[in-house]
Protein backbone atom coordinates (compact mmCIF):
# COMPACT_ATOMS: atom_id res chain seq x y z
CA UNK A 1 0.00 0.00 0.00
CA UNK A 2 2.85 2.38 0.84
CA UNK A 3 4.54 1.64 -2.48
CA UNK A 4 1.26 2.27 -4.28
CA UNK A 5 0.83 5.62 -2.51
CA UNK A 6 4.37 6.63 -3.40
CA UNK A 7 3.84 5.70 -7.04
CA UNK A 8 0.63 7.72 -7.07
CA UNK A 9 2.39 10.70 -5.51
CA UNK A 10 5.13 10.45 -8.10
CA UNK A 11 2.55 10.36 -10.89
CA UNK A 12 0.83 13.45 -9.48
CA UNK A 13 4.20 15.15 -9.22
CA UNK A 14 4.93 14.51 -12.89
CA UNK A 15 1.61 16.11 -13.82
CA UNK A 16 2.03 19.13 -11.56
CA UNK A 17 5.74 19.69 -11.86
CA UNK A 18 6.13 19.49 -8.05
CA UNK A 19 8.53 17.21 -6.19
CA UNK A 20 6.85 13.97 -5.09
CA UNK A 21 7.06 14.88 -1.40
CA UNK A 22 5.20 18.13 -2.04
CA UNK A 23 2.51 16.41 -4.06
CA UNK A 24 2.02 13.82 -1.31
CA UNK A 25 1.83 16.44 1.42
CA UNK A 26 -0.61 18.57 -0.54
CA UNK A 27 -2.84 15.54 -1.11
CA UNK A 28 -2.81 14.56 2.55
CA UNK A 29 -3.02 17.97 4.25
CA UNK A 30 -4.80 18.59 6.51
CA UNK A 31 -4.62 15.32 8.39
CA UNK A 32 -5.80 16.80 11.70
CA UNK A 33 -7.41 19.99 13.03
CA UNK A 34 -5.49 23.12 12.08
CA UNK A 35 -4.78 25.62 14.85
CA UNK A 36 -5.34 29.24 13.80
CA UNK A 37 -3.49 31.75 15.97
CA UNK A 38 -5.27 35.11 16.00
CA UNK A 39 -3.33 38.03 17.54
CA UNK A 40 -6.47 39.76 18.81
CA UNK A 41 -9.24 39.28 21.33
CA UNK A 42 -12.55 37.60 20.60
CA UNK A 43 -15.30 39.65 18.99
CA UNK A 44 -13.25 42.07 16.91
CA UNK A 45 -12.91 42.26 13.14
CA UNK A 46 -9.80 40.05 12.94
CA UNK A 47 -11.32 37.36 15.12
CA UNK A 48 -14.57 37.58 13.13
CA UNK A 49 -12.80 37.02 9.80
CA UNK A 50 -10.76 34.13 11.16
CA UNK A 51 -13.86 32.41 12.53
CA UNK A 52 -15.78 32.86 9.28
CA UNK A 53 -12.89 31.19 7.45
CA UNK A 54 -12.87 28.37 10.01
CA UNK A 55 -16.63 27.83 9.58
CA UNK A 56 -16.26 27.05 5.89
CA UNK A 57 -12.82 25.40 5.93
CA UNK A 58 -14.01 21.99 7.16
CA UNK A 59 -16.65 21.75 4.45
CA UNK A 60 -13.94 21.99 1.78
CA UNK A 61 -10.82 20.56 3.42
CA UNK A 62 -12.43 17.86 5.59
CA UNK A 63 -10.81 18.90 8.88
CA UNK A 64 -11.81 21.58 11.38
CA UNK A 65 -9.93 24.72 12.30
CA UNK A 66 -9.47 25.66 15.94
CA UNK A 67 -9.23 29.41 16.45
CA UNK A 68 -7.01 30.46 19.35
CA UNK A 69 -6.92 34.10 20.47
CA UNK A 70 -3.47 35.18 21.63
CA UNK A 71 -3.65 38.84 22.57
CA UNK A 72 -0.93 41.15 23.81
CA UNK A 73 2.30 42.74 22.67
CA UNK A 74 0.69 44.28 19.61
CA UNK A 75 0.51 40.83 18.03
CA UNK A 76 4.15 39.90 18.69
CA UNK A 77 3.23 37.18 21.21
CA UNK A 78 0.99 35.46 18.68
CA UNK A 79 3.58 35.80 15.91
CA UNK A 80 6.28 34.30 18.12
CA UNK A 81 4.00 31.35 18.85
CA UNK A 82 3.47 30.71 15.13
CA UNK A 83 7.13 31.26 14.26
CA UNK A 84 8.13 28.69 16.88
CA UNK A 85 5.66 26.05 15.70
CA UNK A 86 6.58 23.10 13.52
CA UNK A 87 6.32 23.97 9.80
CA UNK A 88 3.92 21.10 9.16
CA UNK A 89 0.83 23.08 8.21
CA UNK A 90 -0.93 22.39 11.50
CA UNK A 91 -0.39 25.90 12.90
CA UNK A 92 -1.15 29.08 10.99
CA UNK A 93 -1.34 32.81 11.59
CA UNK A 94 -4.39 34.94 10.81
CA UNK A 95 -3.78 38.64 11.36
CA UNK A 96 -3.56 41.87 9.41
CA UNK A 97 -1.03 44.42 8.24
CA UNK A 98 -1.08 46.09 11.64
CA UNK A 99 0.74 43.12 13.14
CA UNK A 100 2.98 42.26 10.21
CA UNK A 101 3.81 45.67 8.71
CA UNK A 102 2.81 48.52 11.05
CA UNK A 103 4.70 46.80 13.88
CA UNK A 104 7.84 47.05 11.75
CA UNK A 105 7.09 50.67 10.88
CA UNK A 106 6.68 51.50 14.57
CA UNK A 107 9.85 49.63 15.56
CA UNK A 108 8.00 47.02 17.64
CA UNK A 109 9.62 44.33 15.47
CA UNK A 110 12.85 44.58 13.48
CA UNK A 111 12.15 42.23 10.58
CA UNK A 112 10.16 42.21 7.33
CA UNK A 113 6.77 40.47 7.25
CA UNK A 114 8.01 37.47 5.23
CA UNK A 115 11.33 36.99 7.02
CA UNK A 116 9.95 34.58 9.62
CA UNK A 117 6.61 33.57 8.12
CA UNK A 118 5.55 32.14 4.76
CA UNK A 119 2.64 34.11 3.28
CA UNK A 120 -0.22 32.00 1.93
CA UNK A 121 -2.75 34.59 0.82
CA UNK A 122 -4.80 37.65 1.62
CA UNK A 123 -8.14 36.02 2.52
CA UNK A 124 -10.05 39.26 3.01
CA UNK A 125 -9.67 43.03 3.13
CA UNK A 126 -11.41 45.17 5.72
CA UNK A 127 -13.09 47.83 3.60
CA UNK A 128 -15.39 48.86 6.40
CA UNK A 129 -13.11 51.05 8.52
CA UNK A 130 -14.61 54.49 9.06
CA UNK A 131 -13.34 57.82 10.36
CA UNK A 132 -15.83 58.66 13.10
CA UNK A 133 -16.66 61.90 14.88
CA UNK A 134 -18.29 62.10 18.28
CA UNK A 135 -21.66 63.82 18.56
CA UNK A 136 -20.04 66.46 20.77
CA UNK A 137 -17.44 67.32 18.09
CA UNK A 138 -20.11 68.36 15.60
CA UNK A 139 -18.11 66.91 12.71
CA UNK A 140 -20.11 65.78 9.71
CA UNK A 141 -17.43 65.48 7.03
CA UNK A 142 -13.71 65.74 6.34
CA UNK A 143 -13.83 69.49 5.69
CA UNK A 144 -15.31 70.07 9.16
CA UNK A 145 -12.33 68.29 10.72
CA UNK A 146 -9.77 70.11 8.58
CA UNK A 147 -11.32 73.52 9.24
CA UNK A 148 -11.38 73.10 13.01
CA UNK A 149 -7.93 71.48 13.19
CA UNK A 150 -6.37 74.32 11.18
CA UNK A 151 -8.11 76.98 13.24
CA UNK A 152 -6.99 75.42 16.53
CA UNK A 153 -4.00 73.07 15.99
CA UNK A 154 -3.60 70.11 18.37
CA UNK A 155 -7.01 70.60 19.96
CA UNK A 156 -8.95 68.01 17.96
CA UNK A 157 -8.52 64.79 19.95
CA UNK A 158 -7.96 61.55 18.04
CA UNK A 159 -8.37 58.41 20.15
CA UNK A 160 -6.21 55.43 19.23
CA UNK A 161 -3.89 52.65 20.37
CA UNK A 162 -0.50 54.31 20.19
CA UNK A 163 1.89 52.64 17.77
CA UNK A 164 -0.85 50.58 16.13
CA UNK A 165 -2.76 50.52 12.87
CA UNK A 166 -5.35 53.17 13.77
CA UNK A 167 -2.57 55.43 15.10
CA UNK A 168 -0.87 55.32 11.70
CA UNK A 169 -4.22 56.03 10.02
CA UNK A 170 -4.55 59.21 12.07
CA UNK A 171 -0.97 60.28 11.38
CA UNK A 172 -1.35 59.72 7.66
CA UNK A 173 -4.61 61.63 7.55
CA UNK A 174 -3.10 64.55 9.47
CA UNK A 175 -0.09 64.70 7.15
CA UNK A 176 -2.20 64.46 3.99
CA UNK A 177 -4.63 67.12 5.27
CA UNK A 178 -1.88 69.40 6.59
CA UNK A 179 -3.28 69.54 10.13
CA UNK A 180 -2.15 68.77 13.67
CA UNK A 181 -4.27 66.46 15.82
CA UNK A 182 -3.91 65.61 19.50
CA UNK A 183 -3.28 61.86 19.79
CA UNK A 184 -4.56 60.12 22.93
CA UNK A 185 -4.10 56.45 23.78
CA UNK A 186 -7.56 55.19 24.71
CA UNK A 187 -7.22 51.46 23.98
CA UNK A 188 -9.16 48.99 21.87
CA UNK A 189 -12.15 49.52 19.58
CA UNK A 190 -14.62 49.08 22.44
CA UNK A 191 -12.70 51.70 24.46
CA UNK A 192 -12.79 54.10 21.52
CA UNK A 193 -16.55 53.66 21.25
CA UNK A 194 -17.00 54.43 24.95
CA UNK A 195 -14.77 57.51 24.67
CA UNK A 196 -16.63 58.78 21.59
CA UNK A 197 -20.00 58.34 23.27
CA UNK A 198 -18.72 60.12 26.38
CA UNK A 199 -17.32 63.02 24.34
CA UNK A 200 -13.80 62.45 25.68
CA UNK A 201 -12.38 62.19 22.18
CA UNK A 202 -13.44 63.86 18.93
CA UNK A 203 -12.31 61.31 16.36
CA UNK A 204 -11.40 57.64 15.97
CA UNK A 205 -10.97 55.00 13.27
CA UNK A 206 -13.13 51.90 13.82
CA UNK A 207 -14.66 49.15 11.71
CA UNK A 208 -18.22 50.07 10.79
CA UNK A 209 -19.82 46.88 12.13
CA UNK A 210 -19.68 47.72 15.86
CA UNK A 211 -20.78 51.36 15.36
CA UNK A 212 -23.41 51.13 12.62
CA UNK A 213 -26.28 51.53 15.10
CA UNK A 214 -24.79 54.77 16.43
CA UNK A 215 -24.80 56.16 12.89
CA UNK A 216 -28.55 55.57 12.79
CA UNK A 217 -29.22 57.13 16.20
CA UNK A 218 -27.00 60.14 15.50
CA UNK A 219 -24.73 59.48 18.48
CA UNK A 220 -21.75 59.35 16.11
CA UNK A 221 -21.01 60.92 12.75
CA UNK A 222 -19.53 58.79 9.96
CA UNK A 223 -17.03 61.32 8.64
CA UNK A 224 -15.42 59.19 5.89
CA UNK A 225 -14.54 55.65 4.87
CA UNK A 226 -10.91 54.61 4.40
CA UNK A 227 -11.55 52.43 1.33
CA UNK A 228 -9.83 53.31 -1.94
CA UNK A 229 -13.11 52.79 -3.78
CA UNK A 230 -16.38 53.38 -1.98
CA UNK A 231 -17.74 50.28 -0.25
CA UNK A 232 -21.45 50.32 -1.19
CA UNK A 233 -22.30 48.22 1.87
CA UNK A 234 -21.57 51.31 4.01
CA UNK A 235 -24.40 53.27 2.45
CA UNK A 236 -23.85 56.97 1.83
CA UNK A 237 -20.54 57.36 3.71
CA UNK A 238 -18.14 59.03 1.29
CA UNK A 239 -14.46 58.16 0.94
CA UNK A 240 -11.75 60.71 1.68
CA UNK A 241 -11.09 60.95 -2.06
CA UNK A 242 -14.74 61.70 -2.77
CA UNK A 243 -14.43 64.56 -0.28
CA UNK A 244 -11.39 66.05 -1.99
CA UNK A 245 -8.54 64.45 -0.01
CA UNK A 246 -6.48 61.89 -1.94
CA UNK A 247 -6.07 59.40 0.89
CA UNK A 248 -7.06 55.80 1.60
CA UNK A 249 -5.86 53.05 3.92
CA UNK A 250 -7.48 49.65 3.73
CA UNK A 251 -6.58 46.76 6.03
CA UNK A 252 -5.74 43.42 4.37
CA UNK A 253 -5.93 40.27 6.49
CA UNK A 254 -3.14 37.75 6.09
CA UNK A 255 -2.80 33.97 6.34
CA UNK A 256 0.75 32.80 6.99
CA UNK A 257 2.59 29.69 8.16
CA UNK A 258 5.86 29.09 10.03
CA UNK A 259 8.90 29.64 7.82
CA UNK A 260 9.84 26.50 5.92
CA UNK A 261 6.32 25.14 5.47
CA UNK A 262 5.90 22.93 2.39
CA UNK A 263 4.96 25.21 -0.54
CA UNK A 264 2.31 22.67 -1.59
CA UNK A 265 0.56 23.08 1.76
CA UNK A 266 0.68 26.85 1.38
CA UNK A 267 -0.80 26.59 -2.10
CA UNK A 268 -3.53 24.23 -0.93
CA UNK A 269 -4.52 26.61 1.88
CA UNK A 270 -4.69 29.49 -0.57
CA UNK A 271 -6.75 27.36 -2.97
CA UNK A 272 -9.16 26.36 -0.19
CA UNK A 273 -9.55 29.98 0.91
CA UNK A 274 -10.26 31.00 -2.67
CA UNK A 275 -13.02 28.37 -2.79
CA UNK A 276 -14.46 29.71 0.47
CA UNK A 277 -14.70 33.21 -0.98
CA UNK A 278 -16.92 31.87 -3.78
CA UNK A 279 -19.53 30.55 -1.33
CA UNK A 280 -22.56 32.92 -1.22
CA UNK A 281 -23.11 32.03 2.44
CA UNK A 282 -19.61 33.28 3.26
CA UNK A 283 -20.25 36.55 1.42
CA UNK A 284 -23.49 37.03 3.33
CA UNK A 285 -21.75 36.39 6.66
CA UNK A 286 -19.17 39.11 5.91
CA UNK A 287 -21.86 41.55 4.84
CA UNK A 288 -24.05 40.90 7.88
CA UNK A 289 -21.17 41.01 10.33
CA UNK A 290 -18.97 43.91 9.29
CA UNK A 291 -20.43 45.26 6.01
CA UNK A 292 -17.39 43.77 4.34
CA UNK A 293 -17.33 42.78 0.65
CA UNK A 294 -15.50 39.62 -0.41
CA UNK A 295 -11.85 40.13 -1.37
CA UNK A 296 -9.07 37.65 -2.06
CA UNK A 297 -5.46 37.57 -3.31
CA UNK A 298 -3.57 34.34 -3.98
CA UNK A 299 0.03 33.90 -2.79
CA UNK A 300 1.90 35.77 -5.53
CA UNK A 301 -0.51 38.69 -5.75
CA UNK A 302 -0.75 38.88 -1.95
CA UNK A 303 3.02 39.12 -1.59
CA UNK A 304 3.26 41.83 -4.25
CA UNK A 305 0.46 43.78 -2.57
CA UNK A 306 1.96 43.48 0.91
CA UNK A 307 5.34 44.67 -0.35
CA UNK A 308 3.65 47.72 -1.86
CA UNK A 309 1.77 48.42 1.38
CA UNK A 310 5.04 48.10 3.30
CA UNK A 311 6.81 50.54 0.95
CA UNK A 312 3.97 53.05 1.35
CA UNK A 313 3.81 52.81 5.14
CA UNK A 314 7.56 52.82 5.78
CA UNK A 315 7.56 56.43 4.61
CA UNK A 316 5.89 57.24 7.94
CA UNK A 317 8.43 55.35 10.07
CA UNK A 318 10.01 58.38 11.73
CA UNK A 319 6.66 60.06 12.32
CA UNK A 320 5.10 57.02 13.96
CA UNK A 321 8.12 56.33 16.17
CA UNK A 322 8.26 59.99 17.17
CA UNK A 323 4.63 59.91 18.30
CA UNK A 324 4.82 56.67 20.26
């Protein structure tokens, strides 16, 4: 039986152009539940996307995914756990550019995103992040923010997690708009929401899902969306570009494996994720949860895109480190 399997693997390898060991591994993987390390707490946008992937993975791949939340250290604890795991395909990372690129920009890590991890794909892109004004601020659009910030520099308070993704969003907006904001470390998305509702901060950047009800009640103003092209699922919220400011900053999610993982396993994971994105039930789950349209980039395109994002964001290295 073993000889027969090896002959079959060799035949597959001849057809695919892959070494026989890779063909065999790709055929067999996954052979047990796959652990997904998520560098964020439960309930947020990263956790949500990882769990939606896990829901549909078993239907296609035949084995379940176990999502494990490893919070802390800006994602470095989770990354270290994945980097130290065996490169057998049984442990993978699901995070976003905040952990893998912004952490390098801020100096929290000193290595490039693909130096210690093998990138599989971009399974989704958060196109639902919005620039939000508190009711107390009176902001309705980008021009309102720019006008006030120019009239009274460093008085408009932007709530963020210092050194993180939303911090860089605020810095990039301020530079593009030619204004000075006051940056205050208020914590996670839930903390930002509390601070906005209490009028302790004027602005924040948060995924639309958790705040959509406040847009309806008028307790928060949806100033702009960060998407390059308007996400129609967000309704009538205009992009920065539509409001005259050439600025966007989307947040790609990333699937990666420990360095040295069999390329055939990486390809199979990317292929499975691509199949998941074609399931209408998956698309509906993203829309219902975070008003997020389906997006996907296979390994090569994902790597090219992430390198471009890194090049763009590294221009703000000194500014982000100065503000930390």
